[in-house]
N, C-alpha and C. Protein backbone atom coordinates (compact mmCIF):
# COMPACT_ATOMS: atom_id res chain seq x y z
N UNK A 1 93.12 61.92 77.55
CA UNK A 1 92.57 63.07 76.85
C UNK A 1 91.83 64.00 77.81
N UNK A 2 91.14 63.41 78.79
CA UNK A 2 90.41 64.20 79.77
C UNK A 2 91.36 65.07 80.60
N UNK A 3 92.51 64.51 80.98
CA UNK A 3 93.49 65.25 81.77
C UNK A 3 94.04 66.43 80.99
N UNK A 4 94.28 66.24 79.69
CA UNK A 4 94.78 67.33 78.85
C UNK A 4 93.75 68.46 78.76
N UNK A 5 92.49 68.09 78.64
CA UNK A 5 91.42 69.08 78.59
C UNK A 5 91.35 69.85 79.90
N UNK A 6 91.47 69.14 81.03
CA UNK A 6 91.45 69.78 82.34
C UNK A 6 92.62 70.75 82.47
N UNK A 7 93.81 70.32 82.04
CA UNK A 7 95.00 71.17 82.13
C UNK A 7 94.82 72.43 81.29
N UNK A 8 94.28 72.28 80.09
CA UNK A 8 94.05 73.44 79.23
C UNK A 8 93.05 74.38 79.87
N UNK A 9 92.02 73.83 80.49
CA UNK A 9 91.02 74.65 81.18
C UNK A 9 91.61 75.39 82.35
N UNK A 10 92.53 74.74 83.07
CA UNK A 10 93.17 75.38 84.22
C UNK A 10 94.00 76.58 83.76
N UNK A 11 94.68 76.45 82.62
CA UNK A 11 95.50 77.55 82.12
C UNK A 11 94.64 78.75 81.76
N UNK A 12 93.43 78.52 81.28
CA UNK A 12 92.54 79.64 80.93
C UNK A 12 92.10 80.40 82.18
N UNK A 13 92.14 79.76 83.35
CA UNK A 13 91.66 80.37 84.58
C UNK A 13 92.79 80.85 85.47
N UNK A 14 93.90 81.19 84.85
CA UNK A 14 95.01 81.75 85.60
C UNK A 14 95.83 82.64 84.67
N UNK A 15 96.60 83.51 85.29
CA UNK A 15 97.49 84.38 84.54
C UNK A 15 98.81 84.40 85.31
N UNK A 16 99.90 84.49 84.58
CA UNK A 16 101.22 84.50 85.21
C UNK A 16 101.78 85.91 85.26
N UNK A 17 102.43 86.24 86.37
CA UNK A 17 103.17 87.49 86.47
C UNK A 17 104.39 87.33 85.58
N UNK A 18 104.67 88.34 84.76
CA UNK A 18 105.72 88.16 83.75
C UNK A 18 107.06 88.80 84.11
N UNK A 19 107.13 89.59 85.17
CA UNK A 19 108.41 90.21 85.51
C UNK A 19 108.55 90.48 86.99
N UNK A 20 109.77 90.80 87.41
CA UNK A 20 110.02 91.17 88.80
C UNK A 20 110.22 89.98 89.71
N UNK A 21 110.11 90.24 91.01
CA UNK A 21 110.41 89.22 92.02
C UNK A 21 109.46 88.03 92.01
N UNK A 22 108.23 88.21 91.52
CA UNK A 22 107.27 87.09 91.48
C UNK A 22 107.08 86.56 90.07
N UNK A 23 108.05 86.79 89.22
CA UNK A 23 107.98 86.32 87.84
C UNK A 23 107.61 84.84 87.80
N UNK A 24 106.70 84.50 86.92
CA UNK A 24 106.16 83.15 86.71
C UNK A 24 105.16 82.71 87.79
N UNK A 25 104.92 83.54 88.80
CA UNK A 25 103.91 83.19 89.80
C UNK A 25 102.53 83.29 89.16
N UNK A 26 101.64 82.41 89.60
CA UNK A 26 100.30 82.32 89.01
C UNK A 26 99.28 83.07 89.85
N UNK A 27 98.41 83.81 89.16
CA UNK A 27 97.26 84.45 89.79
C UNK A 27 96.01 83.77 89.26
N UNK A 28 95.11 83.34 90.13
CA UNK A 28 93.87 82.73 89.64
C UNK A 28 92.97 83.78 89.00
N UNK A 29 92.21 83.35 88.01
CA UNK A 29 91.25 84.23 87.34
C UNK A 29 89.88 83.59 87.50
N UNK A 30 88.99 84.29 88.18
CA UNK A 30 87.63 83.77 88.39
C UNK A 30 86.88 83.73 87.07
N UNK A 31 85.97 82.79 86.98
CA UNK A 31 85.13 82.66 85.79
C UNK A 31 83.93 83.58 85.96
N UNK A 32 84.13 84.85 85.62
CA UNK A 32 83.08 85.87 85.77
C UNK A 32 82.85 86.53 84.42
N UNK A 33 81.60 86.81 84.10
CA UNK A 33 81.32 87.50 82.83
C UNK A 33 82.06 88.84 82.78
N UNK A 34 82.72 89.10 81.66
CA UNK A 34 83.39 90.37 81.48
C UNK A 34 84.79 90.47 82.08
N UNK A 35 85.19 89.48 82.88
CA UNK A 35 86.52 89.53 83.48
C UNK A 35 87.53 89.00 82.46
N UNK A 36 88.42 89.87 82.02
CA UNK A 36 89.44 89.48 81.05
C UNK A 36 90.74 90.14 81.47
N UNK A 37 91.65 89.36 82.03
CA UNK A 37 92.93 89.92 82.45
C UNK A 37 93.69 90.51 81.28
N UNK A 38 94.49 91.52 81.55
CA UNK A 38 95.32 92.12 80.52
C UNK A 38 96.24 91.06 79.94
N UNK A 39 96.24 90.90 78.61
CA UNK A 39 97.08 89.87 77.99
C UNK A 39 98.57 90.07 78.30
N UNK A 40 99.31 88.96 78.33
CA UNK A 40 100.75 88.99 78.63
C UNK A 40 101.47 90.00 77.73
N UNK A 41 101.19 89.94 76.44
CA UNK A 41 101.88 90.82 75.48
C UNK A 41 101.65 92.29 75.80
N UNK A 42 100.45 92.63 76.22
CA UNK A 42 100.12 94.02 76.55
C UNK A 42 100.82 94.42 77.84
N UNK A 43 100.82 93.54 78.84
CA UNK A 43 101.53 93.86 80.09
C UNK A 43 103.02 94.04 79.84
N UNK A 44 103.58 93.17 79.01
CA UNK A 44 105.00 93.28 78.70
C UNK A 44 105.30 94.62 78.01
N UNK A 45 104.46 95.02 77.08
CA UNK A 45 104.63 96.31 76.40
C UNK A 45 104.54 97.46 77.39
N UNK A 46 103.52 97.45 78.25
CA UNK A 46 103.34 98.52 79.23
C UNK A 46 104.58 98.68 80.10
N UNK A 47 105.10 97.57 80.63
CA UNK A 47 106.23 97.68 81.55
C UNK A 47 107.55 97.91 80.81
N UNK A 48 107.60 97.66 79.53
CA UNK A 48 108.74 98.10 78.74
C UNK A 48 108.70 99.62 78.58
N UNK A 49 107.50 100.18 78.38
CA UNK A 49 107.36 101.63 78.27
C UNK A 49 107.71 102.32 79.58
N UNK A 50 107.23 101.75 80.70
CA UNK A 50 107.44 102.37 82.01
C UNK A 50 108.84 102.14 82.55
N UNK A 51 109.45 101.06 82.15
CA UNK A 51 110.71 100.64 82.74
C UNK A 51 110.42 99.48 83.68
N UNK A 52 111.37 98.63 83.89
CA UNK A 52 111.14 97.41 84.67
C UNK A 52 111.19 97.65 86.17
N UNK A 53 111.81 98.72 86.60
CA UNK A 53 111.99 98.98 88.04
C UNK A 53 111.09 100.13 88.46
N UNK A 54 110.10 99.82 89.29
CA UNK A 54 109.17 100.84 89.78
C UNK A 54 109.45 101.17 91.25
N UNK A 55 110.67 101.00 91.69
CA UNK A 55 111.04 101.22 93.09
C UNK A 55 110.56 102.59 93.58
N UNK A 56 109.86 102.56 94.71
CA UNK A 56 109.38 103.77 95.34
C UNK A 56 108.07 104.31 94.81
N UNK A 57 107.54 103.75 93.73
CA UNK A 57 106.31 104.27 93.14
C UNK A 57 105.10 103.91 93.99
N UNK A 58 104.10 104.79 93.96
CA UNK A 58 102.78 104.51 94.53
C UNK A 58 101.84 104.27 93.35
N UNK A 59 101.12 103.16 93.41
CA UNK A 59 100.32 102.71 92.28
C UNK A 59 98.89 102.43 92.73
N UNK A 60 97.93 102.84 91.93
CA UNK A 60 96.52 102.54 92.17
C UNK A 60 95.98 101.78 90.97
N UNK A 61 95.52 100.56 91.20
CA UNK A 61 94.83 99.76 90.18
C UNK A 61 93.35 99.88 90.50
N UNK A 62 92.66 100.78 89.80
CA UNK A 62 91.31 101.19 90.18
C UNK A 62 90.22 100.18 89.86
N UNK A 63 90.46 99.29 88.91
CA UNK A 63 89.47 98.26 88.53
C UNK A 63 90.23 96.94 88.49
N UNK A 64 90.63 96.43 89.64
CA UNK A 64 91.65 95.39 89.73
C UNK A 64 91.31 94.09 89.02
N UNK A 65 90.08 93.60 89.12
CA UNK A 65 89.73 92.33 88.47
C UNK A 65 90.62 91.20 88.94
N UNK A 66 91.43 90.63 88.04
CA UNK A 66 92.34 89.54 88.40
C UNK A 66 93.55 90.04 89.17
N UNK A 67 93.81 91.35 89.10
CA UNK A 67 94.96 91.92 89.79
C UNK A 67 96.25 91.85 88.99
N UNK A 68 96.18 91.38 87.74
CA UNK A 68 97.40 91.17 86.95
C UNK A 68 98.25 92.43 86.85
N UNK A 69 97.64 93.57 86.57
CA UNK A 69 98.41 94.81 86.43
C UNK A 69 99.01 95.25 87.76
N UNK A 70 98.22 95.25 88.81
CA UNK A 70 98.72 95.68 90.11
C UNK A 70 99.80 94.78 90.67
N UNK A 71 99.63 93.46 90.52
CA UNK A 71 100.66 92.53 90.99
C UNK A 71 101.95 92.69 90.18
N UNK A 72 101.83 92.98 88.88
CA UNK A 72 103.03 93.24 88.07
C UNK A 72 103.79 94.44 88.63
N UNK A 73 103.06 95.50 88.96
CA UNK A 73 103.70 96.71 89.51
C UNK A 73 104.37 96.40 90.85
N UNK A 74 103.68 95.67 91.71
CA UNK A 74 104.24 95.31 93.02
C UNK A 74 105.46 94.42 92.85
N UNK A 75 105.40 93.50 91.90
CA UNK A 75 106.50 92.58 91.64
C UNK A 75 107.75 93.32 91.18
N UNK A 76 107.54 94.47 90.56
CA UNK A 76 108.65 95.26 90.02
C UNK A 76 109.11 96.35 90.98
N UNK A 77 108.75 96.24 92.26
CA UNK A 77 109.33 97.09 93.28
C UNK A 77 108.53 98.29 93.72
N UNK A 78 107.28 98.46 93.24
CA UNK A 78 106.48 99.60 93.70
C UNK A 78 106.38 99.58 95.23
N UNK A 79 106.50 100.76 95.84
CA UNK A 79 106.47 100.85 97.30
C UNK A 79 105.08 100.55 97.86
N UNK A 80 104.06 101.05 97.17
CA UNK A 80 102.67 100.85 97.59
C UNK A 80 101.81 100.56 96.36
N UNK A 81 101.02 99.52 96.43
CA UNK A 81 100.07 99.23 95.37
C UNK A 81 98.71 99.02 96.02
N UNK A 82 97.73 99.78 95.59
CA UNK A 82 96.37 99.63 96.08
C UNK A 82 95.52 99.05 94.96
N UNK A 83 94.95 97.86 95.20
CA UNK A 83 94.02 97.23 94.26
C UNK A 83 92.61 97.51 94.74
N UNK A 84 91.79 98.11 93.91
CA UNK A 84 90.40 98.39 94.26
C UNK A 84 89.51 97.52 93.39
N UNK A 85 88.62 96.79 94.03
CA UNK A 85 87.71 95.88 93.32
C UNK A 85 86.38 95.84 94.05
N UNK A 86 85.28 95.87 93.30
CA UNK A 86 83.94 95.87 93.89
C UNK A 86 83.43 94.47 94.21
N UNK A 87 83.73 93.52 93.38
CA UNK A 87 83.18 92.17 93.48
C UNK A 87 83.83 91.39 94.63
N UNK A 88 83.01 90.94 95.58
CA UNK A 88 83.51 90.25 96.78
C UNK A 88 84.34 89.01 96.49
N UNK A 89 83.90 88.18 95.54
CA UNK A 89 84.66 86.97 95.20
C UNK A 89 86.05 87.31 94.69
N UNK A 90 86.15 88.37 93.89
CA UNK A 90 87.44 88.78 93.35
C UNK A 90 88.33 89.35 94.44
N UNK A 91 87.74 90.08 95.37
CA UNK A 91 88.50 90.62 96.50
C UNK A 91 89.12 89.48 97.30
N UNK A 92 88.36 88.41 97.53
CA UNK A 92 88.89 87.26 98.27
C UNK A 92 90.06 86.61 97.52
N UNK A 93 89.93 86.47 96.20
CA UNK A 93 91.03 85.90 95.40
C UNK A 93 92.27 86.79 95.44
N UNK A 94 92.05 88.09 95.34
CA UNK A 94 93.18 89.04 95.38
C UNK A 94 93.90 88.96 96.73
N UNK A 95 93.13 88.91 97.80
CA UNK A 95 93.74 88.81 99.14
C UNK A 95 94.48 87.49 99.32
N UNK A 96 93.91 86.40 98.78
CA UNK A 96 94.59 85.10 98.88
C UNK A 96 95.92 85.13 98.12
N UNK A 97 95.95 85.75 96.95
CA UNK A 97 97.20 85.87 96.18
C UNK A 97 98.19 86.76 96.92
N UNK A 98 97.72 87.84 97.50
CA UNK A 98 98.58 88.74 98.27
C UNK A 98 99.25 87.99 99.42
N UNK A 99 98.45 87.20 100.14
CA UNK A 99 98.99 86.44 101.28
C UNK A 99 99.95 85.36 100.81
N UNK A 100 99.60 84.65 99.75
CA UNK A 100 100.46 83.57 99.24
C UNK A 100 101.83 84.10 98.81
N UNK A 101 101.84 85.28 98.16
CA UNK A 101 103.09 85.87 97.68
C UNK A 101 103.80 86.70 98.75
N UNK A 102 103.13 86.87 99.90
CA UNK A 102 103.66 87.72 100.97
C UNK A 102 103.96 89.13 100.43
N UNK A 103 102.99 89.65 99.71
CA UNK A 103 103.12 90.96 99.05
C UNK A 103 102.79 92.07 100.04
N UNK A 104 103.76 92.43 100.86
CA UNK A 104 103.54 93.43 101.89
C UNK A 104 103.39 94.84 101.32
N UNK A 105 103.79 95.05 100.08
CA UNK A 105 103.66 96.36 99.44
C UNK A 105 102.34 96.53 98.71
N UNK A 106 101.44 95.56 98.87
CA UNK A 106 100.18 95.56 98.14
C UNK A 106 99.01 95.46 99.12
N UNK A 107 97.99 96.28 98.86
CA UNK A 107 96.78 96.28 99.70
C UNK A 107 95.57 96.14 98.80
N UNK A 108 94.56 95.42 99.27
CA UNK A 108 93.33 95.21 98.51
C UNK A 108 92.19 95.92 99.24
N UNK A 109 91.41 96.68 98.49
CA UNK A 109 90.29 97.42 99.05
C UNK A 109 89.04 97.06 98.27
N UNK A 110 87.99 96.66 98.98
CA UNK A 110 86.72 96.42 98.31
C UNK A 110 86.01 97.75 98.17
N UNK A 111 85.72 98.14 96.94
CA UNK A 111 85.04 99.40 96.73
C UNK A 111 84.93 99.74 95.25
N UNK A 112 84.44 100.93 95.00
CA UNK A 112 84.22 101.45 93.66
C UNK A 112 85.49 102.16 93.19
N UNK A 113 86.09 101.66 92.13
CA UNK A 113 87.33 102.24 91.62
C UNK A 113 87.18 103.69 91.19
N UNK A 114 86.06 104.01 90.57
CA UNK A 114 85.82 105.37 90.12
C UNK A 114 85.71 106.32 91.31
N UNK A 115 85.00 105.90 92.37
CA UNK A 115 84.89 106.72 93.58
C UNK A 115 86.26 106.90 94.23
N UNK A 116 87.07 105.85 94.24
CA UNK A 116 88.42 105.93 94.81
C UNK A 116 89.25 106.96 94.04
N UNK A 117 89.14 106.94 92.72
CA UNK A 117 89.87 107.91 91.89
C UNK A 117 89.40 109.34 92.18
N UNK A 118 88.09 109.50 92.30
CA UNK A 118 87.54 110.84 92.52
C UNK A 118 87.98 111.43 93.86
N UNK A 119 88.21 110.58 94.85
CA UNK A 119 88.59 111.07 96.18
C UNK A 119 90.10 111.12 96.39
N UNK A 120 90.84 110.60 95.44
CA UNK A 120 92.30 110.61 95.57
C UNK A 120 92.83 112.00 95.24
N UNK A 121 93.90 112.36 95.91
CA UNK A 121 94.57 113.63 95.64
C UNK A 121 95.87 113.25 94.94
N UNK A 122 96.43 114.14 94.13
CA UNK A 122 97.63 113.85 93.34
C UNK A 122 98.72 113.22 94.22
N UNK A 123 98.76 111.89 94.21
CA UNK A 123 99.76 111.22 95.03
C UNK A 123 100.29 109.94 94.40
N UNK A 124 99.79 109.55 93.26
CA UNK A 124 100.21 108.29 92.63
C UNK A 124 101.14 108.55 91.45
N UNK A 125 102.19 107.75 91.37
CA UNK A 125 103.09 107.82 90.21
C UNK A 125 102.51 107.05 89.02
N UNK A 126 101.63 106.07 89.31
CA UNK A 126 101.02 105.27 88.25
C UNK A 126 99.59 104.92 88.62
N UNK A 127 98.68 105.20 87.70
CA UNK A 127 97.28 104.81 87.84
C UNK A 127 96.95 103.84 86.73
N UNK A 128 96.38 102.70 87.10
CA UNK A 128 96.02 101.64 86.15
C UNK A 128 94.51 101.60 86.02
N UNK A 129 94.02 101.86 84.81
CA UNK A 129 92.58 101.92 84.56
C UNK A 129 92.18 100.88 83.53
N UNK A 130 91.41 99.93 83.96
CA UNK A 130 90.87 98.91 83.06
C UNK A 130 89.41 98.69 83.44
N UNK A 131 88.56 99.74 83.23
CA UNK A 131 87.16 99.59 83.60
C UNK A 131 86.48 98.54 82.74
N UNK A 132 85.40 97.93 83.26
CA UNK A 132 84.69 96.93 82.46
C UNK A 132 84.32 97.49 81.09
N UNK A 133 84.59 96.71 80.06
CA UNK A 133 84.29 97.14 78.69
C UNK A 133 82.81 97.43 78.55
N UNK A 134 82.50 98.46 77.78
CA UNK A 134 81.11 98.77 77.46
C UNK A 134 80.36 99.51 78.54
N UNK A 135 81.04 99.96 79.60
CA UNK A 135 80.33 100.66 80.68
C UNK A 135 80.38 102.18 80.52
N UNK A 136 81.15 102.65 79.56
CA UNK A 136 81.24 104.09 79.33
C UNK A 136 82.01 104.84 80.40
N UNK A 137 82.84 104.14 81.17
CA UNK A 137 83.57 104.79 82.27
C UNK A 137 84.96 105.30 81.87
N UNK A 138 85.40 105.04 80.64
CA UNK A 138 86.77 105.37 80.25
C UNK A 138 87.09 106.85 80.41
N UNK A 139 86.27 107.71 79.83
CA UNK A 139 86.53 109.16 79.85
C UNK A 139 86.43 109.68 81.28
N UNK A 140 85.42 109.24 82.02
CA UNK A 140 85.23 109.67 83.41
C UNK A 140 86.41 109.24 84.27
N UNK A 141 86.85 107.99 84.10
CA UNK A 141 87.98 107.47 84.89
C UNK A 141 89.26 108.23 84.54
N UNK A 142 89.46 108.52 83.28
CA UNK A 142 90.65 109.25 82.85
C UNK A 142 90.67 110.66 83.44
N UNK A 143 89.52 111.33 83.46
CA UNK A 143 89.43 112.67 84.04
C UNK A 143 89.73 112.64 85.54
N UNK A 144 89.21 111.64 86.24
CA UNK A 144 89.49 111.52 87.68
C UNK A 144 90.96 111.19 87.92
N UNK A 145 91.52 110.36 87.07
CA UNK A 145 92.93 109.98 87.20
C UNK A 145 93.85 111.17 87.00
N UNK A 146 93.46 112.09 86.12
CA UNK A 146 94.29 113.27 85.86
C UNK A 146 94.49 114.10 87.12
N UNK A 147 93.55 114.01 88.06
CA UNK A 147 93.66 114.75 89.33
C UNK A 147 94.36 113.93 90.41
N UNK A 148 94.53 112.63 90.18
CA UNK A 148 95.09 111.76 91.21
C UNK A 148 96.55 111.38 90.95
N UNK A 149 97.08 111.79 89.81
CA UNK A 149 98.45 111.43 89.43
C UNK A 149 99.40 112.59 89.75
N UNK A 150 100.60 112.26 90.18
CA UNK A 150 101.59 113.30 90.48
C UNK A 150 102.09 113.91 89.17
N UNK A 151 102.56 115.15 89.20
CA UNK A 151 103.16 115.73 88.00
C UNK A 151 104.29 114.82 87.49
N UNK A 152 104.25 114.56 86.19
CA UNK A 152 105.24 113.67 85.59
C UNK A 152 104.88 112.20 85.70
N UNK A 153 103.79 111.88 86.40
CA UNK A 153 103.36 110.50 86.60
C UNK A 153 102.63 109.95 85.38
N UNK A 154 102.17 108.72 85.50
CA UNK A 154 101.62 107.97 84.37
C UNK A 154 100.21 107.48 84.64
N UNK A 155 99.39 107.45 83.59
CA UNK A 155 98.05 106.88 83.65
C UNK A 155 97.92 105.90 82.48
N UNK A 156 97.59 104.66 82.80
CA UNK A 156 97.40 103.62 81.79
C UNK A 156 95.91 103.36 81.65
N UNK A 157 95.42 103.32 80.41
CA UNK A 157 94.01 103.03 80.14
C UNK A 157 93.91 101.87 79.17
N UNK A 158 93.08 100.90 79.53
CA UNK A 158 92.80 99.75 78.67
C UNK A 158 91.30 99.73 78.40
N UNK A 159 90.93 99.54 77.13
CA UNK A 159 89.51 99.64 76.78
C UNK A 159 89.20 98.82 75.54
N UNK A 160 87.93 98.72 75.25
CA UNK A 160 87.47 98.02 74.06
C UNK A 160 87.42 98.91 72.84
N UNK A 161 87.76 100.19 73.02
CA UNK A 161 87.78 101.12 71.89
C UNK A 161 89.04 101.98 71.98
N UNK A 162 89.34 102.67 70.90
CA UNK A 162 90.54 103.51 70.85
C UNK A 162 90.49 104.55 71.97
N UNK A 163 91.66 104.96 72.46
CA UNK A 163 91.69 105.95 73.55
C UNK A 163 91.08 107.27 73.09
N UNK A 164 90.49 108.01 74.02
CA UNK A 164 89.88 109.29 73.65
C UNK A 164 90.94 110.27 73.15
N UNK A 165 90.54 111.15 72.25
CA UNK A 165 91.46 112.16 71.74
C UNK A 165 91.30 113.48 72.49
N UNK A 166 90.13 113.68 73.09
CA UNK A 166 89.87 114.88 73.89
C UNK A 166 90.28 114.55 75.33
N UNK A 167 91.52 114.88 75.67
CA UNK A 167 92.08 114.46 76.96
C UNK A 167 91.84 115.49 78.05
N UNK A 168 91.75 115.00 79.30
CA UNK A 168 91.63 115.93 80.42
C UNK A 168 92.87 116.83 80.50
N UNK A 169 92.69 118.02 81.04
CA UNK A 169 93.81 118.95 81.21
C UNK A 169 94.93 118.27 81.98
N UNK A 170 96.13 118.46 81.51
CA UNK A 170 97.29 117.94 82.23
C UNK A 170 97.79 116.60 81.72
N UNK A 171 97.03 115.89 80.90
CA UNK A 171 97.47 114.59 80.40
C UNK A 171 97.84 114.68 78.92
N UNK A 172 98.90 113.96 78.55
CA UNK A 172 99.30 113.86 77.16
C UNK A 172 99.48 112.40 76.82
N UNK A 173 99.07 112.02 75.62
CA UNK A 173 99.28 110.65 75.16
C UNK A 173 100.77 110.41 74.97
N UNK A 174 101.28 109.36 75.58
CA UNK A 174 102.69 108.99 75.43
C UNK A 174 102.83 107.92 74.34
N UNK A 175 102.09 106.82 74.50
CA UNK A 175 102.10 105.74 73.51
C UNK A 175 100.78 104.99 73.59
N UNK A 176 100.45 104.32 72.49
CA UNK A 176 99.24 103.50 72.49
C UNK A 176 99.45 102.31 71.58
N UNK A 177 98.57 101.33 71.73
CA UNK A 177 98.66 100.13 70.90
C UNK A 177 97.35 99.38 70.93
N UNK A 178 97.36 98.26 70.21
CA UNK A 178 96.16 97.43 70.14
C UNK A 178 96.59 95.98 70.03
N UNK A 179 95.90 95.11 70.76
CA UNK A 179 96.10 93.66 70.67
C UNK A 179 94.73 93.03 70.56
N UNK A 180 94.34 92.63 69.35
CA UNK A 180 93.00 92.09 69.14
C UNK A 180 91.96 93.15 69.44
N UNK A 181 91.03 92.84 70.34
CA UNK A 181 89.96 93.78 70.69
C UNK A 181 90.39 94.75 71.79
N UNK A 182 91.61 94.59 72.31
CA UNK A 182 92.07 95.42 73.43
C UNK A 182 92.87 96.62 72.90
N UNK A 183 92.40 97.81 73.24
CA UNK A 183 93.13 99.04 72.96
C UNK A 183 93.77 99.47 74.27
N UNK A 184 95.00 99.94 74.22
CA UNK A 184 95.67 100.39 75.44
C UNK A 184 96.48 101.64 75.15
N UNK A 185 96.59 102.48 76.17
CA UNK A 185 97.30 103.74 76.00
C UNK A 185 97.94 104.14 77.32
N UNK A 186 99.09 104.78 77.21
CA UNK A 186 99.80 105.31 78.37
C UNK A 186 99.87 106.82 78.21
N UNK A 187 99.41 107.52 79.24
CA UNK A 187 99.40 108.98 79.25
C UNK A 187 100.36 109.47 80.33
N UNK A 188 100.95 110.62 80.10
CA UNK A 188 101.81 111.21 81.12
C UNK A 188 101.23 112.53 81.57
N UNK A 189 101.32 112.78 82.88
CA UNK A 189 100.83 114.03 83.44
C UNK A 189 101.90 115.10 83.25
N UNK A 190 101.45 116.31 82.95
CA UNK A 190 102.37 117.44 82.82
C UNK A 190 103.06 117.73 84.14
N UNK A 191 104.09 118.51 84.08
CA UNK A 191 104.87 118.82 85.29
C UNK A 191 104.12 119.68 86.28
N UNK A 192 103.09 120.41 85.85
CA UNK A 192 102.28 121.15 86.82
C UNK A 192 100.96 120.42 86.97
N UNK A 193 100.57 120.14 88.20
CA UNK A 193 99.37 119.34 88.47
C UNK A 193 98.12 120.08 88.00
N UNK A 194 97.13 119.34 87.43
CA UNK A 194 95.88 119.96 87.01
C UNK A 194 95.06 120.44 88.20
N UNK A 195 94.25 121.46 87.98
CA UNK A 195 93.43 121.99 89.08
C UNK A 195 92.23 121.12 89.32
């Protein structure tokens, strides 16, 4: 009985990549307050919306956490994936996963995801935003992402509340959904880049 309990506990502290070249590979999830990887069902929906092949895309996962979203993008052929995470322990786990999977198309940066978004220039085909719930960063992150995404590119937002209706210039809601307490939305940038 003890072994079964241990095994169940181990499953709670990991997440599996669900598609691409590293399908079924495990990513560890640190036991940190507020860290909740994007559920499998939500990731599957997102990549069904985007398409399974992200060949040549540049991706920024601004609040990487477990790295589940960024590793999914890298696994599906993205040319460059930048994972930004502030917490040192999480950065070490992300780097260990990157090395284990030999993910040469993925880079981990310790830093502030919001600051990274604010300094980025329109160069990403996909921006992944999953700021810590309850921090009030959703609208600010979305506004910064609108300036960092290429025309026609995508911005994904995951939050504890419904996506904002007052969108930054240049972004349009493409699709949205909800899984339990998780609200998620995919926005597309207009063909002319916002100022």
